[in-house]
């Protein structure tokens, strides 16, 4: 964490905090309930915002069920429409565990693909940035 302190000492517009990045592959039948379950469990705060997550557009997921799966041992691979949900959880393992359990409870798969990685996540310093002409609120964009 010494490196993070050094980095934060060199930055004037933001800082970084230790976080967990979570990647979850979602099937078409996994609607917004998976994301909402995680929001309900841990809030998904990112700085002064809550419910912050990213969901990709549709792609394809491939798998071949084997012995021990609900489908049993199959000869053919399965191709299904899928998308990716990503979010960060700041700090402790307890909060991360709650987020993962929320995914596992609401996901339609028996073995959802969940990948967790330690990352540094930015946090803006708004103290001197309110008048920046590049910010959306100074450019006339609507939310």
C-alpha atoms as a PDB file:
ATOM      1  CA  UNK A   1       0.000   0.000   0.000  1.00  0.00           C
ATOM      2  CA  UNK A   2       3.027   2.268   0.138  1.00  0.00           C
ATOM      3  CA  UNK A   3       2.776   2.667  -3.641  1.00  0.00           C
ATOM      4  CA  UNK A   4      -0.847   3.804  -3.368  1.00  0.00           C
ATOM      5  CA  UNK A   5       0.135   6.431  -0.787  1.00  0.00           C
ATOM      6  CA  UNK A   6       2.940   7.631  -3.070  1.00  0.00           C
ATOM      7  CA  UNK A   7       0.569   7.791  -6.043  1.00  0.00           C
ATOM      8  CA  UNK A   8      -2.060   9.658  -4.022  1.00  0.00           C
ATOM      9  CA  UNK A   9       0.627  12.113  -2.915  1.00  0.00           C
ATOM     10  CA  UNK A  10       1.392  12.968  -6.539  1.00  0.00           C
ATOM     11  CA  UNK A  11      -2.247  13.491  -7.581  1.00  0.00           C
ATOM     12  CA  UNK A  12      -4.181  16.743  -7.244  1.00  0.00           C
ATOM     13  CA  UNK A  13      -7.549  15.912  -8.846  1.00  0.00           C
ATOM     14  CA  UNK A  14      -8.249  12.508  -7.322  1.00  0.00           C
ATOM     15  CA  UNK A  15      -6.994   9.754  -5.073  1.00  0.00           C
ATOM     16  CA  UNK A  16      -7.207   5.965  -5.167  1.00  0.00           C
ATOM     17  CA  UNK A  17      -8.674   3.490  -2.677  1.00  0.00           C
ATOM     18  CA  UNK A  18      -8.125  -0.259  -2.385  1.00  0.00           C
ATOM     19  CA  UNK A  19     -11.141  -2.055  -3.836  1.00  0.00           C
ATOM     20  CA  UNK A  20     -12.350  -5.338  -5.310  1.00  0.00           C
ATOM     21  CA  UNK A  21     -13.516  -5.464  -8.929  1.00  0.00           C
ATOM     22  CA  UNK A  22     -16.164  -8.098  -9.591  1.00  0.00           C
ATOM     23  CA  UNK A  23     -16.971  -9.476 -13.055  1.00  0.00           C
ATOM     24  CA  UNK A  24     -20.142 -11.561 -13.432  1.00  0.00           C
ATOM     25  CA  UNK A  25     -21.343 -13.191 -16.639  1.00  0.00           C
ATOM     26  CA  UNK A  26     -25.132 -12.893 -16.914  1.00  0.00           C
ATOM     27  CA  UNK A  27     -27.507 -14.984 -19.000  1.00  0.00           C
ATOM     28  CA  UNK A  28     -30.424 -13.361 -20.820  1.00  0.00           C
ATOM     29  CA  UNK A  29     -32.765 -14.595 -18.116  1.00  0.00           C
ATOM     30  CA  UNK A  30     -30.701 -12.702 -15.498  1.00  0.00           C
ATOM     31  CA  UNK A  31     -32.482  -9.390 -15.647  1.00  0.00           C
ATOM     32  CA  UNK A  32     -31.833  -6.372 -13.453  1.00  0.00           C
ATOM     33  CA  UNK A  33     -32.552  -8.435 -10.316  1.00  0.00           C
ATOM     34  CA  UNK A  34     -28.917  -9.587 -10.043  1.00  0.00           C
ATOM     35  CA  UNK A  35     -27.579  -6.034 -10.091  1.00  0.00           C
ATOM     36  CA  UNK A  36     -30.359  -4.846  -7.789  1.00  0.00           C
ATOM     37  CA  UNK A  37     -29.621  -7.650  -5.312  1.00  0.00           C
ATOM     38  CA  UNK A  38     -26.001  -6.483  -5.092  1.00  0.00           C
ATOM     39  CA  UNK A  39     -27.095  -2.856  -4.669  1.00  0.00           C
ATOM     40  CA  UNK A  40     -29.480  -3.937  -1.902  1.00  0.00           C
ATOM     41  CA  UNK A  41     -26.724  -5.970  -0.207  1.00  0.00           C
ATOM     42  CA  UNK A  42     -23.812  -3.504  -0.303  1.00  0.00           C
ATOM     43  CA  UNK A  43     -24.955  -0.257  -1.942  1.00  0.00           C
ATOM     44  CA  UNK A  44     -22.286  -0.210  -4.685  1.00  0.00           C
ATOM     45  CA  UNK A  45     -21.029   3.192  -3.667  1.00  0.00           C
ATOM     46  CA  UNK A  46     -18.434   4.931  -5.803  1.00  0.00           C
ATOM     47  CA  UNK A  47     -17.498   8.232  -4.243  1.00  0.00           C
ATOM     48  CA  UNK A  48     -20.696  10.272  -3.774  1.00  0.00           C
ATOM     49  CA  UNK A  49     -22.713   7.927  -6.041  1.00  0.00           C
ATOM     50  CA  UNK A  50     -24.652   4.779  -5.172  1.00  0.00           C
ATOM     51  CA  UNK A  51     -25.694   1.845  -7.357  1.00  0.00           C
ATOM     52  CA  UNK A  52     -22.658   2.210  -9.632  1.00  0.00           C
ATOM     53  CA  UNK A  53     -22.193  -0.742 -11.988  1.00  0.00           C
ATOM     54  CA  UNK A  54     -21.496  -1.437 -15.644  1.00  0.00           C
ATOM     55  CA  UNK A  55     -23.326  -3.921 -17.827  1.00  0.00           C
ATOM     56  CA  UNK A  56     -22.034  -4.759 -21.297  1.00  0.00           C
ATOM     57  CA  UNK A  57     -24.071  -5.316 -24.418  1.00  0.00           C
ATOM     58  CA  UNK A  58     -24.946  -8.815 -25.555  1.00  0.00           C
ATOM     59  CA  UNK A  59     -22.261 -11.336 -26.364  1.00  0.00           C
ATOM     60  CA  UNK A  60     -22.031 -15.133 -26.377  1.00  0.00           C
ATOM     61  CA  UNK A  61     -21.096 -17.524 -23.617  1.00  0.00           C
ATOM     62  CA  UNK A  62     -19.955 -21.067 -24.397  1.00  0.00           C
ATOM     63  CA  UNK A  63     -19.908 -24.118 -22.118  1.00  0.00           C
ATOM     64  CA  UNK A  64     -20.203 -27.884 -22.195  1.00  0.00           C
ATOM     65  CA  UNK A  65     -21.904 -29.475 -19.182  1.00  0.00           C
ATOM     66  CA  UNK A  66     -20.039 -32.417 -17.684  1.00  0.00           C
ATOM     67  CA  UNK A  67     -20.702 -35.058 -15.030  1.00  0.00           C
ATOM     68  CA  UNK A  68     -21.855 -33.436 -11.799  1.00  0.00           C
ATOM     69  CA  UNK A  69     -23.727 -30.578 -13.491  1.00  0.00           C
ATOM     70  CA  UNK A  70     -27.539 -30.365 -13.434  1.00  0.00           C
ATOM     71  CA  UNK A  71     -27.573 -31.207 -17.165  1.00  0.00           C
ATOM     72  CA  UNK A  72     -25.195 -34.129 -16.770  1.00  0.00           C
ATOM     73  CA  UNK A  73     -22.527 -35.090 -19.262  1.00  0.00           C
ATOM     74  CA  UNK A  74     -23.383 -33.695 -22.709  1.00  0.00           C
ATOM     75  CA  UNK A  75     -21.703 -34.246 -26.056  1.00  0.00           C
ATOM     76  CA  UNK A  76     -22.325 -30.780 -27.463  1.00  0.00           C
ATOM     77  CA  UNK A  77     -21.178 -27.372 -26.301  1.00  0.00           C
ATOM     78  CA  UNK A  78     -23.908 -24.857 -25.481  1.00  0.00           C
ATOM     79  CA  UNK A  79     -23.894 -21.323 -26.876  1.00  0.00           C
ATOM     80  CA  UNK A  80     -26.009 -18.782 -25.011  1.00  0.00           C
ATOM     81  CA  UNK A  81     -26.519 -15.030 -25.236  1.00  0.00           C
ATOM     82  CA  UNK A  82     -24.820 -13.346 -22.292  1.00  0.00           C
ATOM     83  CA  UNK A  83     -23.574 -10.010 -21.030  1.00  0.00           C
ATOM     84  CA  UNK A  84     -21.137  -8.909 -18.339  1.00  0.00           C
ATOM     85  CA  UNK A  85     -21.891  -7.030 -15.126  1.00  0.00           C
ATOM     86  CA  UNK A  86     -18.936  -5.346 -13.411  1.00  0.00           C
ATOM     87  CA  UNK A  87     -18.798  -3.359 -10.207  1.00  0.00           C
ATOM     88  CA  UNK A  88     -16.352  -2.440  -7.463  1.00  0.00           C
ATOM     89  CA  UNK A  89     -16.592  -2.980  -3.739  1.00  0.00           C
ATOM     90  CA  UNK A  90     -14.381  -0.798  -1.594  1.00  0.00           C
ATOM     91  CA  UNK A  91     -12.404  -2.260   1.246  1.00  0.00           C
ATOM     92  CA  UNK A  92     -13.261  -5.205   3.401  1.00  0.00           C
ATOM     93  CA  UNK A  93     -13.828  -8.861   2.608  1.00  0.00           C
ATOM     94  CA  UNK A  94     -17.125  -8.936   4.518  1.00  0.00           C
ATOM     95  CA  UNK A  95     -18.700  -6.483   2.097  1.00  0.00           C
ATOM     96  CA  UNK A  96     -17.258  -8.389  -0.866  1.00  0.00           C
ATOM     97  CA  UNK A  97     -18.695 -11.651   0.511  1.00  0.00           C
ATOM     98  CA  UNK A  98     -22.154 -10.061   0.801  1.00  0.00           C
ATOM     99  CA  UNK A  99     -21.969  -8.910  -2.825  1.00  0.00           C
ATOM    100  CA  UNK A 100     -20.935 -12.360  -4.078  1.00  0.00           C
ATOM    101  CA  UNK A 101     -23.653 -14.089  -2.043  1.00  0.00           C
ATOM    102  CA  UNK A 102     -26.222 -11.685  -3.527  1.00  0.00           C
ATOM    103  CA  UNK A 103     -25.056 -12.651  -7.036  1.00  0.00           C
ATOM    104  CA  UNK A 104     -25.110 -16.380  -6.232  1.00  0.00           C
ATOM    105  CA  UNK A 105     -28.591 -16.152  -4.720  1.00  0.00           C
ATOM    106  CA  UNK A 106     -30.184 -14.361  -7.705  1.00  0.00           C
ATOM    107  CA  UNK A 107     -28.192 -15.717 -10.671  1.00  0.00           C
ATOM    108  CA  UNK A 108     -29.941 -18.355 -12.780  1.00  0.00           C
ATOM    109  CA  UNK A 109     -26.862 -20.608 -13.243  1.00  0.00           C
ATOM    110  CA  UNK A 110     -25.739 -23.320 -10.848  1.00  0.00           C
ATOM    111  CA  UNK A 111     -22.121 -22.220 -11.518  1.00  0.00           C
ATOM    112  CA  UNK A 112     -22.116 -18.518 -12.450  1.00  0.00           C
ATOM    113  CA  UNK A 113     -18.832 -17.121 -13.715  1.00  0.00           C
ATOM    114  CA  UNK A 114     -17.676 -14.679 -11.036  1.00  0.00           C
ATOM    115  CA  UNK A 115     -14.174 -13.223 -11.183  1.00  0.00           C
ATOM    116  CA  UNK A 116     -12.784 -11.020  -8.416  1.00  0.00           C
ATOM    117  CA  UNK A 117      -9.618  -8.947  -8.634  1.00  0.00           C
ATOM    118  CA  UNK A 118      -7.952  -6.502  -6.262  1.00  0.00           C
ATOM    119  CA  UNK A 119      -7.765  -3.053  -7.854  1.00  0.00           C
ATOM    120  CA  UNK A 120      -7.251   0.607  -7.089  1.00  0.00           C
ATOM    121  CA  UNK A 121     -10.362   2.698  -7.765  1.00  0.00           C
ATOM    122  CA  UNK A 122     -10.301   6.456  -8.260  1.00  0.00           C
ATOM    123  CA  UNK A 123     -12.102   8.940  -6.062  1.00  0.00           C
ATOM    124  CA  UNK A 124     -12.406  12.490  -7.369  1.00  0.00           C
ATOM    125  CA  UNK A 125     -11.386  15.565  -5.429  1.00  0.00           C
ATOM    126  CA  UNK A 126     -14.250  17.937  -6.157  1.00  0.00           C
ATOM    127  CA  UNK A 127     -12.862  20.793  -4.077  1.00  0.00           C
ATOM    128  CA  UNK A 128     -11.324  22.689  -6.999  1.00  0.00           C
ATOM    129  CA  UNK A 129     -13.041  21.066  -9.966  1.00  0.00           C
ATOM    130  CA  UNK A 130     -16.577  22.490  -9.917  1.00  0.00           C
ATOM    131  CA  UNK A 131     -15.885  25.092 -12.621  1.00  0.00           C
ATOM    132  CA  UNK A 132     -14.001  22.759 -15.003  1.00  0.00           C
ATOM    133  CA  UNK A 133     -15.551  23.418 -18.455  1.00  0.00           C
ATOM    134  CA  UNK A 134     -15.123  19.749 -19.426  1.00  0.00           C
ATOM    135  CA  UNK A 135     -17.495  18.472 -16.733  1.00  0.00           C
ATOM    136  CA  UNK A 136     -20.943  17.462 -17.951  1.00  0.00           C
ATOM    137  CA  UNK A 137     -22.745  19.884 -15.617  1.00  0.00           C
ATOM    138  CA  UNK A 138     -20.832  22.783 -17.201  1.00  0.00           C
ATOM    139  CA  UNK A 139     -21.530  21.632 -20.759  1.00  0.00           C
ATOM    140  CA  UNK A 140     -25.320  21.574 -20.703  1.00  0.00           C
ATOM    141  CA  UNK A 141     -25.712  17.778 -20.778  1.00  0.00           C
ATOM    142  CA  UNK A 142     -28.753  16.253 -19.121  1.00  0.00           C
ATOM    143  CA  UNK A 143     -28.484  13.160 -16.942  1.00  0.00           C
END
